[in-house]
Amino acid sequence: MADKNLVRIEGDCLSTDTAQTGGMHRAEAVSGKTVGAEALWMGRTIVDPKTDSGVHHHGESETSIYVVSGEPVFSFRDGDEVVDIATRPGDFVYVPPFTPHVESNPGDEPAVVVIARTTQEAIAVNLDQL
């Protein structure tokens, strides 16, 4: 059971010992490992300039993404069509469980996003294609 006290996780002390996908740098802040969370994972991801994450999904986890900086693009398949969602700072993106997607950063600067998931683990299942 998680401690009943609030816990501060300093932004420059996040753990990178978490699931990774190419082109992205995930850092774990709130999880079972870091604070004893029972049903939540939250962290920061930096997407390199001019790159994409590769195709992946987050298993049974619902995922919410908040765009801090940059203008990342989120792509997913809707039937026969690939749909791109362009974002900017302040936007949120919802990713349903088991939904293959790609996070791209077409810009010249790193894109920074904050991710929250409904599991205490950072599930990242890498795939070959959308």
C-alpha atoms as a PDB file:
ATOM      1  CA  MET A   1       0.000   0.000   0.000  1.00  0.00           C
ATOM      2  CA  ALA A   2       1.264   3.454  -0.900  1.00  0.00           C
ATOM      3  CA  ASP A   3       2.458   5.800   1.812  1.00  0.00           C
ATOM      4  CA  LYS A   4      -0.239   8.286   2.888  1.00  0.00           C
ATOM      5  CA  ASN A   5       2.092  11.267   2.568  1.00  0.00           C
ATOM      6  CA  LEU A   6       2.658  13.433  -0.469  1.00  0.00           C
ATOM      7  CA  VAL A   7       5.903  12.774  -2.306  1.00  0.00           C
ATOM      8  CA  ARG A   8       7.909  15.309  -4.301  1.00  0.00           C
ATOM      9  CA  ILE A   9       9.699  13.918  -7.330  1.00  0.00           C
ATOM     10  CA  GLU A  10      12.297  16.398  -8.549  1.00  0.00           C
ATOM     11  CA  GLY A  11      12.260  16.895 -12.324  1.00  0.00           C
ATOM     12  CA  ASP A  12      15.997  16.338 -12.652  1.00  0.00           C
ATOM     13  CA  CYS A  13      15.871  13.067 -10.647  1.00  0.00           C
ATOM     14  CA  LEU A  14      13.496  10.980 -12.788  1.00  0.00           C
ATOM     15  CA  SER A  15      14.311   7.335 -13.468  1.00  0.00           C
ATOM     16  CA  THR A  16      15.112   6.232 -17.012  1.00  0.00           C
ATOM     17  CA  ASP A  17      14.852   2.590 -15.928  1.00  0.00           C
ATOM     18  CA  THR A  18      11.550   2.173 -17.784  1.00  0.00           C
ATOM     19  CA  ALA A  19      10.223   0.881 -21.110  1.00  0.00           C
ATOM     20  CA  GLN A  20      11.747   2.726 -24.073  1.00  0.00           C
ATOM     21  CA  THR A  21      10.873   3.148 -27.744  1.00  0.00           C
ATOM     22  CA  GLY A  22      13.370   4.363 -30.374  1.00  0.00           C
ATOM     23  CA  GLY A  23      13.547   8.145 -30.856  1.00  0.00           C
ATOM     24  CA  MET A  24      12.054   8.773 -27.411  1.00  0.00           C
ATOM     25  CA  HIS A  25      13.545   9.215 -23.965  1.00  0.00           C
ATOM     26  CA  ARG A  26      11.040   8.170 -21.282  1.00  0.00           C
ATOM     27  CA  ALA A  27      11.632   9.114 -17.658  1.00  0.00           C
ATOM     28  CA  GLU A  28       9.500   7.690 -14.865  1.00  0.00           C
ATOM     29  CA  ALA A  29       8.236  10.013 -12.128  1.00  0.00           C
ATOM     30  CA  VAL A  30       5.216   8.426 -10.410  1.00  0.00           C
ATOM     31  CA  SER A  31       4.937   4.624 -10.355  1.00  0.00           C
ATOM     32  CA  GLY A  32       4.886   1.611  -8.103  1.00  0.00           C
ATOM     33  CA  LYS A  33       8.703   1.584  -8.152  1.00  0.00           C
ATOM     34  CA  THR A  34       9.225   5.252  -7.389  1.00  0.00           C
ATOM     35  CA  VAL A  35       6.477   6.119  -4.877  1.00  0.00           C
ATOM     36  CA  GLY A  36       4.436   2.957  -4.348  1.00  0.00           C
ATOM     37  CA  ALA A  37       1.593   3.969  -6.679  1.00  0.00           C
ATOM     38  CA  GLU A  38      -0.987   1.217  -7.057  1.00  0.00           C
ATOM     39  CA  ALA A  39      -2.772   2.145 -10.289  1.00  0.00           C
ATOM     40  CA  LEU A  40      -0.938   5.047 -11.913  1.00  0.00           C
ATOM     41  CA  TRP A  41       2.171   5.663 -13.979  1.00  0.00           C
ATOM     42  CA  MET A  42       3.264   9.170 -14.903  1.00  0.00           C
ATOM     43  CA  GLY A  43       6.391  10.452 -16.523  1.00  0.00           C
ATOM     44  CA  ARG A  44       8.056  12.723 -19.052  1.00  0.00           C
ATOM     45  CA  THR A  45       9.062  11.846 -22.582  1.00  0.00           C
ATOM     46  CA  ILE A  46      11.404  13.792 -24.826  1.00  0.00           C
ATOM     47  CA  VAL A  47      11.081  13.124 -28.558  1.00  0.00           C
ATOM     48  CA  ASP A  48      14.231  13.979 -30.513  1.00  0.00           C
ATOM     49  CA  PRO A  49      14.003  16.557 -33.336  1.00  0.00           C
ATOM     50  CA  LYS A  50      13.282  15.224 -36.822  1.00  0.00           C
ATOM     51  CA  THR A  51      12.452  11.733 -35.563  1.00  0.00           C
ATOM     52  CA  ASP A  52       9.589   9.431 -34.670  1.00  0.00           C
ATOM     53  CA  SER A  53       8.977   6.885 -31.961  1.00  0.00           C
ATOM     54  CA  GLY A  54       8.387   3.871 -34.138  1.00  0.00           C
ATOM     55  CA  VAL A  55       5.064   2.060 -33.995  1.00  0.00           C
ATOM     56  CA  HIS A  56       4.002   0.943 -30.516  1.00  0.00           C
ATOM     57  CA  HIS A  57       1.040   0.593 -28.161  1.00  0.00           C
ATOM     58  CA  HIS A  58       0.648   0.665 -24.379  1.00  0.00           C
ATOM     59  CA  GLY A  59      -1.146  -2.628 -23.771  1.00  0.00           C
ATOM     60  CA  GLU A  60      -4.206  -2.462 -21.535  1.00  0.00           C
ATOM     61  CA  SER A  61      -3.245   1.000 -20.334  1.00  0.00           C
ATOM     62  CA  GLU A  62      -5.262   4.084 -21.161  1.00  0.00           C
ATOM     63  CA  THR A  63      -2.791   6.878 -21.860  1.00  0.00           C
ATOM     64  CA  SER A  64      -3.123  10.639 -21.639  1.00  0.00           C
ATOM     65  CA  ILE A  65      -0.460  12.902 -23.092  1.00  0.00           C
ATOM     66  CA  TYR A  66       0.048  16.603 -22.307  1.00  0.00           C
ATOM     67  CA  VAL A  67       2.240  18.585 -24.711  1.00  0.00           C
ATOM     68  CA  VAL A  68       4.689  20.788 -22.794  1.00  0.00           C
ATOM     69  CA  SER A  69       6.829  22.026 -25.680  1.00  0.00           C
ATOM     70  CA  GLY A  70       7.352  21.423 -29.369  1.00  0.00           C
ATOM     71  CA  GLU A  71       4.705  20.382 -31.874  1.00  0.00           C
ATOM     72  CA  PRO A  72       4.616  16.581 -31.894  1.00  0.00           C
ATOM     73  CA  VAL A  73       2.403  14.683 -34.329  1.00  0.00           C
ATOM     74  CA  PHE A  74       0.521  11.540 -33.268  1.00  0.00           C
ATOM     75  CA  SER A  75      -0.378   9.044 -36.020  1.00  0.00           C
ATOM     76  CA  PHE A  76      -2.707   6.052 -35.905  1.00  0.00           C
ATOM     77  CA  ARG A  77      -4.598   3.857 -38.375  1.00  0.00           C
ATOM     78  CA  ASP A  78      -8.343   4.281 -38.849  1.00  0.00           C
ATOM     79  CA  GLY A  79      -9.313   1.417 -41.166  1.00  0.00           C
ATOM     80  CA  ASP A  80      -7.248   1.808 -44.347  1.00  0.00           C
ATOM     81  CA  GLU A  81      -6.256   5.393 -43.563  1.00  0.00           C
ATOM     82  CA  VAL A  82      -3.381   6.720 -41.423  1.00  0.00           C
ATOM     83  CA  VAL A  83      -4.582   9.752 -39.445  1.00  0.00           C
ATOM     84  CA  ASP A  84      -2.150  12.407 -38.187  1.00  0.00           C
ATOM     85  CA  ILE A  85      -2.996  14.623 -35.201  1.00  0.00           C
ATOM     86  CA  ALA A  86      -0.798  17.734 -35.062  1.00  0.00           C
ATOM     87  CA  THR A  87      -0.408  19.231 -31.573  1.00  0.00           C
ATOM     88  CA  ARG A  88       1.086  22.258 -29.875  1.00  0.00           C
ATOM     89  CA  PRO A  89       1.935  23.169 -26.264  1.00  0.00           C
ATOM     90  CA  GLY A  90      -1.098  22.973 -23.994  1.00  0.00           C
ATOM     91  CA  ASP A  91      -2.838  20.226 -26.016  1.00  0.00           C
ATOM     92  CA  PHE A  92      -3.850  16.844 -24.607  1.00  0.00           C
ATOM     93  CA  VAL A  93      -4.068  13.550 -26.529  1.00  0.00           C
ATOM     94  CA  TYR A  94      -5.961  10.441 -25.401  1.00  0.00           C
ATOM     95  CA  VAL A  95      -4.687   7.028 -26.538  1.00  0.00           C
ATOM     96  CA  PRO A  96      -7.063   4.077 -25.937  1.00  0.00           C
ATOM     97  CA  PRO A  97      -5.687   0.701 -24.791  1.00  0.00           C
ATOM     98  CA  PHE A  98      -3.945  -1.479 -27.420  1.00  0.00           C
ATOM     99  CA  THR A  99      -4.042   1.330 -30.038  1.00  0.00           C
ATOM    100  CA  PRO A 100      -0.941   1.254 -32.276  1.00  0.00           C
ATOM    101  CA  HIS A 101       0.427   4.737 -32.852  1.00  0.00           C
ATOM    102  CA  VAL A 102       3.531   6.747 -33.703  1.00  0.00           C
ATOM    103  CA  GLU A 103       4.717   9.935 -32.013  1.00  0.00           C
ATOM    104  CA  SER A 104       6.734  12.153 -34.368  1.00  0.00           C
ATOM    105  CA  ASN A 105       8.632  15.367 -33.897  1.00  0.00           C
ATOM    106  CA  PRO A 106       9.070  17.132 -37.242  1.00  0.00           C
ATOM    107  CA  GLY A 107      10.544  20.206 -35.536  1.00  0.00           C
ATOM    108  CA  ASP A 108      14.129  21.335 -34.989  1.00  0.00           C
ATOM    109  CA  GLU A 109      13.915  21.260 -31.171  1.00  0.00           C
ATOM    110  CA  PRO A 110      13.078  18.368 -28.834  1.00  0.00           C
ATOM    111  CA  ALA A 111       9.374  17.921 -28.067  1.00  0.00           C
ATOM    112  CA  VAL A 112       8.527  17.367 -24.399  1.00  0.00           C
ATOM    113  CA  VAL A 113       5.338  15.632 -23.256  1.00  0.00           C
ATOM    114  CA  VAL A 114       4.002  14.448 -19.903  1.00  0.00           C
ATOM    115  CA  ILE A 115       2.357  11.029 -19.945  1.00  0.00           C
ATOM    116  CA  ALA A 116      -0.114   9.498 -17.485  1.00  0.00           C
ATOM    117  CA  ARG A 117      -1.229   5.865 -17.689  1.00  0.00           C
ATOM    118  CA  THR A 118      -3.748   3.742 -15.859  1.00  0.00           C
ATOM    119  CA  THR A 119      -1.158   1.122 -14.941  1.00  0.00           C
ATOM    120  CA  GLN A 120       1.780   1.609 -12.631  1.00  0.00           C
ATOM    121  CA  GLU A 121       4.142   0.291 -15.310  1.00  0.00           C
ATOM    122  CA  ALA A 122       5.213   2.023 -18.497  1.00  0.00           C
ATOM    123  CA  ILE A 123       3.989  -0.553 -20.994  1.00  0.00           C
ATOM    124  CA  ALA A 124       5.497  -0.068 -24.459  1.00  0.00           C
ATOM    125  CA  VAL A 125       4.908  -2.841 -26.992  1.00  0.00           C
ATOM    126  CA  ASN A 126       6.964  -2.095 -30.108  1.00  0.00           C
ATOM    127  CA  LEU A 127       5.434  -3.148 -33.456  1.00  0.00           C
ATOM    128  CA  ASP A 128       6.608  -3.407 -37.063  1.00  0.00           C
ATOM    129  CA  GLN A 129       3.845  -1.324 -38.682  1.00  0.00           C
ATOM    130  CA  LEU A 130       0.679   0.687 -38.087  1.00  0.00           C
END
